[in-house]
Amino acid sequence: MNNKYNLFKRILELSKSKNWDEARKEWAVVEITEAQADDPGSCCCGKHPIKEMIQIFNQKTRNEVIVGNCCIKRFFDINDYDKVFKALKENRINSFMIEDCFKKEVINPWEYGFALNVWRKKKVSKKQFLNFEKIKHKILNFYKKISMGGEK
């Protein structure tokens, strides 16, 4: 069996709906992390090893699974997750990460507004730079916490 079939089969088993187009709407992203080199992850489709892992949660059945960066594209916008992994590799953040962390209450409303206002600016004051670095650190730690051995 191919991995695409395995993904569909596994997700349908864990979903309330038994129709793929409906079932995939039941799922939401919980965590986006990168596996440690000595402890690679596995996708629910059966692919192993995977380096880039996305934990998704079914809002109707309360099930959770890990999918890789290829399988996540079957659920949501392709570019957002590619951008997250690219930003993590470069120790940067992007607007998707800022928005995601605000929705998950990792950053507060002031930090959210400030980060969105400053993240693409080329010239900022020293105070703005220091504030942005604190927010950036919070966001990067949120995405990296599992791969660094932290708790959820």
N, C-alpha and C. Protein backbone atom coordinates (compact mmCIF):
# COMPACT_ATOMS: atom_id res chain seq x y z
N MET A 1 0.83 -1.20 0.00
CA MET A 1 0.00 0.00 0.00
C MET A 1 0.87 1.25 0.00
N ASN A 2 0.40 2.29 -0.69
CA ASN A 2 1.19 3.51 -0.68
C ASN A 2 0.84 4.39 0.52
N ASN A 3 1.73 5.34 0.81
CA ASN A 3 1.56 6.17 1.99
C ASN A 3 0.31 7.04 1.94
N LYS A 4 -0.07 7.51 0.74
CA LYS A 4 -1.28 8.33 0.60
C LYS A 4 -2.50 7.53 1.03
N TYR A 5 -2.60 6.29 0.57
CA TYR A 5 -3.72 5.43 0.94
C TYR A 5 -3.71 5.18 2.45
N ASN A 6 -2.53 4.90 3.00
CA ASN A 6 -2.42 4.66 4.45
C ASN A 6 -2.87 5.88 5.25
N LEU A 7 -2.49 7.08 4.78
CA LEU A 7 -2.91 8.30 5.47
C LEU A 7 -4.42 8.42 5.47
N PHE A 8 -5.04 8.30 4.30
CA PHE A 8 -6.49 8.43 4.21
C PHE A 8 -7.18 7.39 5.09
N LYS A 9 -6.73 6.16 5.03
CA LYS A 9 -7.33 5.08 5.82
C LYS A 9 -7.23 5.37 7.32
N ARG A 10 -6.03 5.76 7.77
CA ARG A 10 -5.81 6.02 9.20
C ARG A 10 -6.62 7.22 9.69
N ILE A 11 -6.64 8.28 8.92
CA ILE A 11 -7.39 9.48 9.33
C ILE A 11 -8.89 9.19 9.36
N LEU A 12 -9.39 8.46 8.38
CA LEU A 12 -10.82 8.11 8.38
C LEU A 12 -11.17 7.22 9.57
N GLU A 13 -10.26 6.32 9.96
CA GLU A 13 -10.49 5.48 11.15
C GLU A 13 -10.62 6.33 12.41
N LEU A 14 -9.88 7.43 12.47
CA LEU A 14 -9.83 8.27 13.66
C LEU A 14 -10.79 9.46 13.61
N SER A 15 -11.55 9.58 12.54
CA SER A 15 -12.47 10.71 12.35
C SER A 15 -13.92 10.27 12.52
N LYS A 16 -14.78 11.21 12.81
CA LYS A 16 -16.21 10.92 12.89
C LYS A 16 -16.76 10.68 11.49
N SER A 17 -16.42 11.56 10.56
CA SER A 17 -16.87 11.41 9.18
C SER A 17 -16.06 10.33 8.49
N LYS A 18 -16.68 9.62 7.59
CA LYS A 18 -15.98 8.58 6.83
C LYS A 18 -15.77 9.01 5.38
N ASN A 19 -15.95 10.31 5.13
CA ASN A 19 -15.70 10.92 3.83
C ASN A 19 -14.47 11.81 3.98
N TRP A 20 -13.45 11.61 3.14
CA TRP A 20 -12.19 12.33 3.30
C TRP A 20 -12.36 13.84 3.34
N ASP A 21 -13.13 14.41 2.41
CA ASP A 21 -13.27 15.87 2.36
C ASP A 21 -13.88 16.43 3.63
N GLU A 22 -14.78 15.68 4.25
CA GLU A 22 -15.37 16.12 5.52
C GLU A 22 -14.45 15.80 6.69
N ALA A 23 -13.86 14.62 6.68
CA ALA A 23 -13.00 14.18 7.78
C ALA A 23 -11.80 15.12 7.98
N ARG A 24 -11.19 15.55 6.90
CA ARG A 24 -9.99 16.39 7.04
C ARG A 24 -10.30 17.73 7.68
N LYS A 25 -11.56 18.18 7.59
CA LYS A 25 -11.96 19.45 8.21
C LYS A 25 -12.09 19.33 9.73
N GLU A 26 -12.14 18.09 10.23
CA GLU A 26 -12.26 17.87 11.68
C GLU A 26 -10.93 18.10 12.40
N TRP A 27 -9.84 18.17 11.66
CA TRP A 27 -8.50 18.19 12.24
C TRP A 27 -7.92 19.59 12.31
N ALA A 28 -7.18 19.86 13.39
CA ALA A 28 -6.50 21.15 13.57
C ALA A 28 -5.06 20.89 14.01
N VAL A 29 -4.18 21.79 13.66
CA VAL A 29 -2.78 21.66 14.04
C VAL A 29 -2.61 22.04 15.51
N VAL A 30 -1.87 21.19 16.23
CA VAL A 30 -1.57 21.44 17.64
C VAL A 30 -0.12 21.92 17.79
N GLU A 31 0.81 21.19 17.22
CA GLU A 31 2.24 21.50 17.34
C GLU A 31 2.93 21.30 16.00
N ILE A 32 3.94 22.09 15.75
CA ILE A 32 4.80 21.94 14.58
C ILE A 32 6.22 21.86 15.11
N THR A 33 6.88 20.73 14.92
CA THR A 33 8.22 20.56 15.49
C THR A 33 9.15 19.85 14.52
N GLU A 34 10.41 19.92 14.85
CA GLU A 34 11.43 19.23 14.09
C GLU A 34 12.03 18.16 14.99
N ALA A 35 12.10 16.93 14.51
CA ALA A 35 12.63 15.83 15.30
C ALA A 35 14.13 15.99 15.50
N GLN A 36 14.62 15.45 16.60
CA GLN A 36 16.06 15.43 16.82
C GLN A 36 16.68 14.43 15.87
N ALA A 37 17.91 14.67 15.49
CA ALA A 37 18.60 13.80 14.53
C ALA A 37 18.68 12.36 15.03
N ASP A 38 18.85 12.18 16.33
CA ASP A 38 18.98 10.83 16.87
C ASP A 38 17.64 10.19 17.25
N ASP A 39 16.55 10.93 17.04
CA ASP A 39 15.22 10.40 17.38
C ASP A 39 14.20 10.86 16.33
N PRO A 40 14.30 10.34 15.10
CA PRO A 40 13.37 10.77 14.05
C PRO A 40 11.95 10.29 14.33
N GLY A 41 10.99 11.01 13.80
CA GLY A 41 9.60 10.66 14.01
C GLY A 41 9.06 9.76 12.92
N SER A 42 7.78 9.41 13.08
CA SER A 42 7.05 8.61 12.10
C SER A 42 5.73 9.28 11.80
N CYS A 43 5.33 9.24 10.55
CA CYS A 43 4.04 9.79 10.13
C CYS A 43 2.98 8.70 10.28
N CYS A 44 1.75 9.09 10.51
CA CYS A 44 0.68 8.10 10.64
C CYS A 44 0.44 7.33 9.35
N CYS A 45 1.02 7.81 8.24
CA CYS A 45 0.89 7.10 6.96
C CYS A 45 1.86 5.92 6.89
N GLY A 46 2.79 5.87 7.84
CA GLY A 46 3.77 4.79 7.86
C GLY A 46 5.17 5.21 7.45
N LYS A 47 5.32 6.43 6.95
CA LYS A 47 6.65 6.87 6.53
C LYS A 47 7.54 7.09 7.75
N HIS A 48 8.75 6.55 7.67
CA HIS A 48 9.74 6.70 8.74
C HIS A 48 11.11 6.64 8.10
N PRO A 49 12.02 7.46 8.45
CA PRO A 49 11.93 8.54 9.43
C PRO A 49 11.38 9.83 8.80
N ILE A 50 10.83 10.66 9.66
CA ILE A 50 10.46 12.01 9.23
C ILE A 50 11.15 12.99 10.16
N LYS A 51 11.56 14.10 9.63
CA LYS A 51 12.25 15.11 10.42
C LYS A 51 11.28 16.20 10.85
N GLU A 52 10.40 16.58 9.95
CA GLU A 52 9.45 17.66 10.22
C GLU A 52 8.11 17.04 10.59
N MET A 53 7.68 17.29 11.84
CA MET A 53 6.49 16.63 12.37
C MET A 53 5.42 17.66 12.73
N ILE A 54 4.18 17.32 12.38
CA ILE A 54 3.06 18.17 12.73
C ILE A 54 2.06 17.31 13.50
N GLN A 55 1.77 17.71 14.73
CA GLN A 55 0.78 17.00 15.54
C GLN A 55 -0.57 17.63 15.25
N ILE A 56 -1.53 16.79 14.86
CA ILE A 56 -2.88 17.28 14.58
C ILE A 56 -3.88 16.63 15.52
N PHE A 57 -4.97 17.33 15.78
CA PHE A 57 -5.97 16.93 16.76
C PHE A 57 -7.34 16.95 16.10
N ASN A 58 -8.11 15.88 16.32
CA ASN A 58 -9.47 15.83 15.78
C ASN A 58 -10.41 16.43 16.82
N GLN A 59 -11.10 17.50 16.43
CA GLN A 59 -11.95 18.25 17.34
C GLN A 59 -13.24 17.50 17.70
N LYS A 60 -13.61 16.51 16.91
CA LYS A 60 -14.83 15.75 17.18
C LYS A 60 -14.57 14.47 17.95
N THR A 61 -13.48 13.78 17.63
CA THR A 61 -13.20 12.49 18.29
C THR A 61 -12.13 12.60 19.36
N ARG A 62 -11.43 13.73 19.42
CA ARG A 62 -10.36 14.00 20.38
C ARG A 62 -9.11 13.13 20.15
N ASN A 63 -8.99 12.55 18.97
CA ASN A 63 -7.80 11.78 18.62
C ASN A 63 -6.68 12.71 18.17
N GLU A 64 -5.44 12.26 18.37
CA GLU A 64 -4.27 13.02 17.93
C GLU A 64 -3.34 12.09 17.15
N VAL A 65 -2.70 12.63 16.12
CA VAL A 65 -1.70 11.88 15.37
C VAL A 65 -0.59 12.83 14.92
N ILE A 66 0.53 12.22 14.55
CA ILE A 66 1.65 12.96 13.96
C ILE A 66 1.64 12.70 12.46
N VAL A 67 1.77 13.78 11.69
CA VAL A 67 1.92 13.65 10.24
C VAL A 67 3.18 14.41 9.83
N GLY A 68 3.73 14.02 8.71
CA GLY A 68 4.92 14.68 8.19
C GLY A 68 4.57 15.88 7.33
N ASN A 69 5.61 16.55 6.85
CA ASN A 69 5.37 17.77 6.07
C ASN A 69 4.76 17.49 4.70
N CYS A 70 4.83 16.27 4.22
CA CYS A 70 4.16 15.93 2.95
C CYS A 70 2.67 15.67 3.18
N CYS A 71 2.36 14.89 4.21
CA CYS A 71 0.96 14.54 4.47
C CYS A 71 0.13 15.73 4.95
N ILE A 72 0.75 16.66 5.66
CA ILE A 72 -0.02 17.82 6.15
C ILE A 72 -0.61 18.60 4.98
N LYS A 73 0.03 18.52 3.84
CA LYS A 73 -0.44 19.25 2.66
C LYS A 73 -1.78 18.72 2.17
N ARG A 74 -2.16 17.55 2.59
CA ARG A 74 -3.46 16.99 2.22
C ARG A 74 -4.59 17.59 3.07
N PHE A 75 -4.20 18.27 4.17
CA PHE A 75 -5.18 18.87 5.07
C PHE A 75 -5.31 20.38 4.89
N PHE A 76 -4.18 21.08 4.80
CA PHE A 76 -4.16 22.54 4.90
C PHE A 76 -3.31 23.16 3.81
N ASP A 77 -3.18 24.49 3.88
CA ASP A 77 -2.39 25.25 2.91
C ASP A 77 -0.93 24.78 2.91
N ILE A 78 -0.46 24.40 1.77
CA ILE A 78 0.88 23.85 1.59
C ILE A 78 1.96 24.83 2.05
N ASN A 79 1.89 26.05 1.62
CA ASN A 79 2.98 26.99 1.81
C ASN A 79 3.23 27.37 3.26
N ASP A 80 2.19 27.44 4.10
CA ASP A 80 2.37 27.86 5.49
C ASP A 80 3.34 26.96 6.23
N TYR A 81 3.20 25.66 6.09
CA TYR A 81 4.04 24.74 6.85
C TYR A 81 5.44 24.63 6.28
N ASP A 82 5.58 24.75 4.98
CA ASP A 82 6.91 24.82 4.39
C ASP A 82 7.65 26.05 4.91
N LYS A 83 6.94 27.16 5.04
CA LYS A 83 7.54 28.39 5.53
C LYS A 83 7.96 28.28 7.00
N VAL A 84 7.17 27.57 7.80
CA VAL A 84 7.52 27.39 9.21
C VAL A 84 8.83 26.63 9.33
N PHE A 85 8.96 25.52 8.62
CA PHE A 85 10.18 24.73 8.73
C PHE A 85 11.39 25.49 8.19
N LYS A 86 11.19 26.25 7.13
CA LYS A 86 12.29 27.06 6.59
C LYS A 86 12.71 28.11 7.62
N ALA A 87 11.74 28.77 8.24
CA ALA A 87 12.04 29.79 9.25
C ALA A 87 12.76 29.18 10.44
N LEU A 88 12.32 28.02 10.90
CA LEU A 88 12.98 27.36 12.03
C LEU A 88 14.44 27.06 11.72
N LYS A 89 14.70 26.58 10.52
CA LYS A 89 16.08 26.26 10.13
C LYS A 89 16.96 27.51 10.12
N GLU A 90 16.35 28.66 9.82
CA GLU A 90 17.10 29.92 9.74
C GLU A 90 16.99 30.75 11.02
N ASN A 91 16.36 30.18 12.06
CA ASN A 91 16.17 30.86 13.35
C ASN A 91 15.43 32.19 13.18
N ARG A 92 14.40 32.16 12.33
CA ARG A 92 13.58 33.33 12.06
C ARG A 92 12.12 33.00 12.38
N ILE A 93 11.27 34.03 12.34
CA ILE A 93 9.83 33.82 12.46
C ILE A 93 9.17 34.47 11.25
N ASN A 94 7.89 34.13 11.04
CA ASN A 94 7.14 34.73 9.93
C ASN A 94 5.72 35.04 10.40
N SER A 95 4.95 35.65 9.54
CA SER A 95 3.60 36.10 9.92
C SER A 95 2.70 34.93 10.31
N PHE A 96 2.84 33.78 9.64
CA PHE A 96 2.04 32.62 10.01
C PHE A 96 2.35 32.18 11.43
N MET A 97 3.63 32.15 11.79
CA MET A 97 4.03 31.74 13.13
C MET A 97 3.53 32.73 14.18
N ILE A 98 3.59 34.02 13.87
CA ILE A 98 3.10 35.05 14.79
C ILE A 98 1.61 34.85 15.02
N GLU A 99 0.86 34.70 13.94
CA GLU A 99 -0.59 34.49 14.01
C GLU A 99 -0.93 33.22 14.79
N ASP A 100 -0.25 32.14 14.48
CA ASP A 100 -0.48 30.85 15.14
C ASP A 100 -0.22 30.95 16.64
N CYS A 101 0.87 31.61 17.02
CA CYS A 101 1.21 31.74 18.44
C CYS A 101 0.21 32.65 19.17
N PHE A 102 -0.32 33.63 18.49
CA PHE A 102 -1.35 34.47 19.10
C PHE A 102 -2.62 33.66 19.34
N LYS A 103 -3.05 32.89 18.34
CA LYS A 103 -4.25 32.06 18.47
C LYS A 103 -4.11 31.05 19.60
N LYS A 104 -2.89 30.57 19.82
CA LYS A 104 -2.64 29.56 20.86
C LYS A 104 -2.22 30.19 22.19
N GLU A 105 -2.33 31.52 22.27
CA GLU A 105 -2.04 32.29 23.48
C GLU A 105 -0.61 32.13 23.97
N VAL A 106 0.30 31.93 23.05
CA VAL A 106 1.73 31.90 23.37
C VAL A 106 2.22 33.33 23.56
N ILE A 107 1.68 34.23 22.74
CA ILE A 107 2.00 35.66 22.87
C ILE A 107 0.70 36.42 23.13
N ASN A 108 0.82 37.54 23.82
CA ASN A 108 -0.37 38.33 24.17
C ASN A 108 -0.72 39.30 23.04
N PRO A 109 -1.87 39.98 23.16
CA PRO A 109 -2.29 40.88 22.08
C PRO A 109 -1.28 41.98 21.75
N TRP A 110 -0.62 42.54 22.77
CA TRP A 110 0.38 43.57 22.50
C TRP A 110 1.55 42.99 21.72
N GLU A 111 2.05 41.84 22.16
CA GLU A 111 3.18 41.19 21.47
C GLU A 111 2.81 40.84 20.03
N TYR A 112 1.59 40.38 19.84
CA TYR A 112 1.10 40.05 18.51
C TYR A 112 1.14 41.27 17.59
N GLY A 113 0.53 42.37 18.03
CA GLY A 113 0.50 43.59 17.23
C GLY A 113 1.90 44.13 16.97
N PHE A 114 2.73 44.13 18.00
CA PHE A 114 4.09 44.64 17.87
C PHE A 114 4.89 43.79 16.89
N ALA A 115 4.82 42.47 17.03
CA ALA A 115 5.58 41.57 16.16
C ALA A 115 5.15 41.73 14.70
N LEU A 116 3.85 41.79 14.46
CA LEU A 116 3.38 41.96 13.08
C LEU A 116 3.84 43.30 12.49
N ASN A 117 3.91 44.32 13.34
CA ASN A 117 4.32 45.64 12.89
C ASN A 117 5.82 45.72 12.61
N VAL A 118 6.63 44.98 13.34
CA VAL A 118 8.08 45.13 13.29
C VAL A 118 8.81 44.03 12.52
N TRP A 119 8.25 42.85 12.38
CA TRP A 119 9.02 41.69 11.91
C TRP A 119 9.66 41.87 10.54
N ARG A 120 9.14 42.71 9.67
CA ARG A 120 9.72 42.90 8.33
C ARG A 120 10.47 44.22 8.17
N LYS A 121 10.48 45.02 9.22
CA LYS A 121 11.16 46.31 9.13
C LYS A 121 12.67 46.12 9.11
N LYS A 122 13.33 46.95 8.33
CA LYS A 122 14.79 46.90 8.24
C LYS A 122 15.45 47.75 9.31
N LYS A 123 14.81 48.87 9.67
CA LYS A 123 15.36 49.77 10.68
C LYS A 123 14.40 49.85 11.86
N VAL A 124 14.93 49.53 13.03
CA VAL A 124 14.15 49.64 14.27
C VAL A 124 15.07 50.23 15.34
N SER A 125 14.46 50.80 16.37
CA SER A 125 15.25 51.32 17.48
C SER A 125 15.82 50.15 18.29
N LYS A 126 16.75 50.47 19.17
CA LYS A 126 17.34 49.43 20.02
C LYS A 126 16.26 48.79 20.90
N LYS A 127 15.38 49.63 21.44
CA LYS A 127 14.30 49.13 22.30
C LYS A 127 13.36 48.22 21.50
N GLN A 128 13.00 48.62 20.28
CA GLN A 128 12.15 47.78 19.43
C GLN A 128 12.85 46.45 19.12
N PHE A 129 14.13 46.53 18.82
CA PHE A 129 14.90 45.32 18.52
C PHE A 129 14.87 44.36 19.70
N LEU A 130 15.13 44.87 20.91
CA LEU A 130 15.15 44.02 22.10
C LEU A 130 13.78 43.41 22.38
N ASN A 131 12.72 44.21 22.24
CA ASN A 131 11.36 43.69 22.43
C ASN A 131 11.03 42.61 21.40
N PHE A 132 11.40 42.88 20.15
CA PHE A 132 11.14 41.91 19.10
C PHE A 132 11.90 40.61 19.35
N GLU A 133 13.14 40.71 19.78
CA GLU A 133 13.94 39.51 20.05
C GLU A 133 13.31 38.65 21.15
N LYS A 134 12.74 39.29 22.17
CA LYS A 134 12.05 38.55 23.25
C LYS A 134 10.84 37.79 22.69
N ILE A 135 10.07 38.46 21.86
CA ILE A 135 8.88 37.84 21.26
C ILE A 135 9.31 36.72 20.31
N LYS A 136 10.30 36.99 19.51
CA LYS A 136 10.82 35.98 18.57
C LYS A 136 11.28 34.74 19.34
N HIS A 137 11.98 34.97 20.44
CA HIS A 137 12.46 33.86 21.27
C HIS A 137 11.29 33.02 21.80
N LYS A 138 10.23 33.68 22.25
CA LYS A 138 9.04 32.95 22.73
C LYS A 138 8.44 32.10 21.62
N ILE A 139 8.33 32.68 20.44
CA ILE A 139 7.72 31.97 19.31
C ILE A 139 8.59 30.79 18.88
N LEU A 140 9.89 31.02 18.73
CA LEU A 140 10.79 29.93 18.33
C LEU A 140 10.80 28.82 19.38
N ASN A 141 10.80 29.19 20.66
CA ASN A 141 10.77 28.17 21.72
C ASN A 141 9.49 27.36 21.67
N PHE A 142 8.38 28.02 21.34
CA PHE A 142 7.11 27.29 21.22
C PHE A 142 7.21 26.21 20.16
N TYR A 143 7.78 26.55 19.02
CA TYR A 143 7.89 25.58 17.93
C TYR A 143 8.96 24.53 18.17
N LYS A 144 9.98 24.89 18.92
CA LYS A 144 11.10 23.97 19.11
C LYS A 144 11.01 23.17 20.41
N LYS A 145 10.03 23.44 21.26
CA LYS A 145 10.04 22.86 22.60
C LYS A 145 10.02 21.34 22.63
N ILE A 146 9.29 20.70 21.76
CA ILE A 146 9.27 19.23 21.76
C ILE A 146 10.60 18.69 21.28
N SER A 147 11.14 19.28 20.23
CA SER A 147 12.40 18.77 19.70
C SER A 147 13.56 19.03 20.66
N MET A 148 13.38 19.95 21.61
CA MET A 148 14.42 20.21 22.59
C MET A 148 14.17 19.43 23.88
N GLY A 149 13.15 18.59 23.90
CA GLY A 149 12.89 17.76 25.07
C GLY A 149 11.97 18.39 26.10
N GLY A 150 11.31 19.47 25.77
CA GLY A 150 10.41 20.12 26.71
C GLY A 150 9.04 19.47 26.72
N GLU A 151 8.18 19.98 27.58
CA GLU A 151 6.82 19.46 27.66
C GLU A 151 5.92 20.23 26.73
N LYS A 152 4.75 19.64 26.47
CA LYS A 152 3.75 20.29 25.63
C LYS A 152 3.09 21.41 26.38
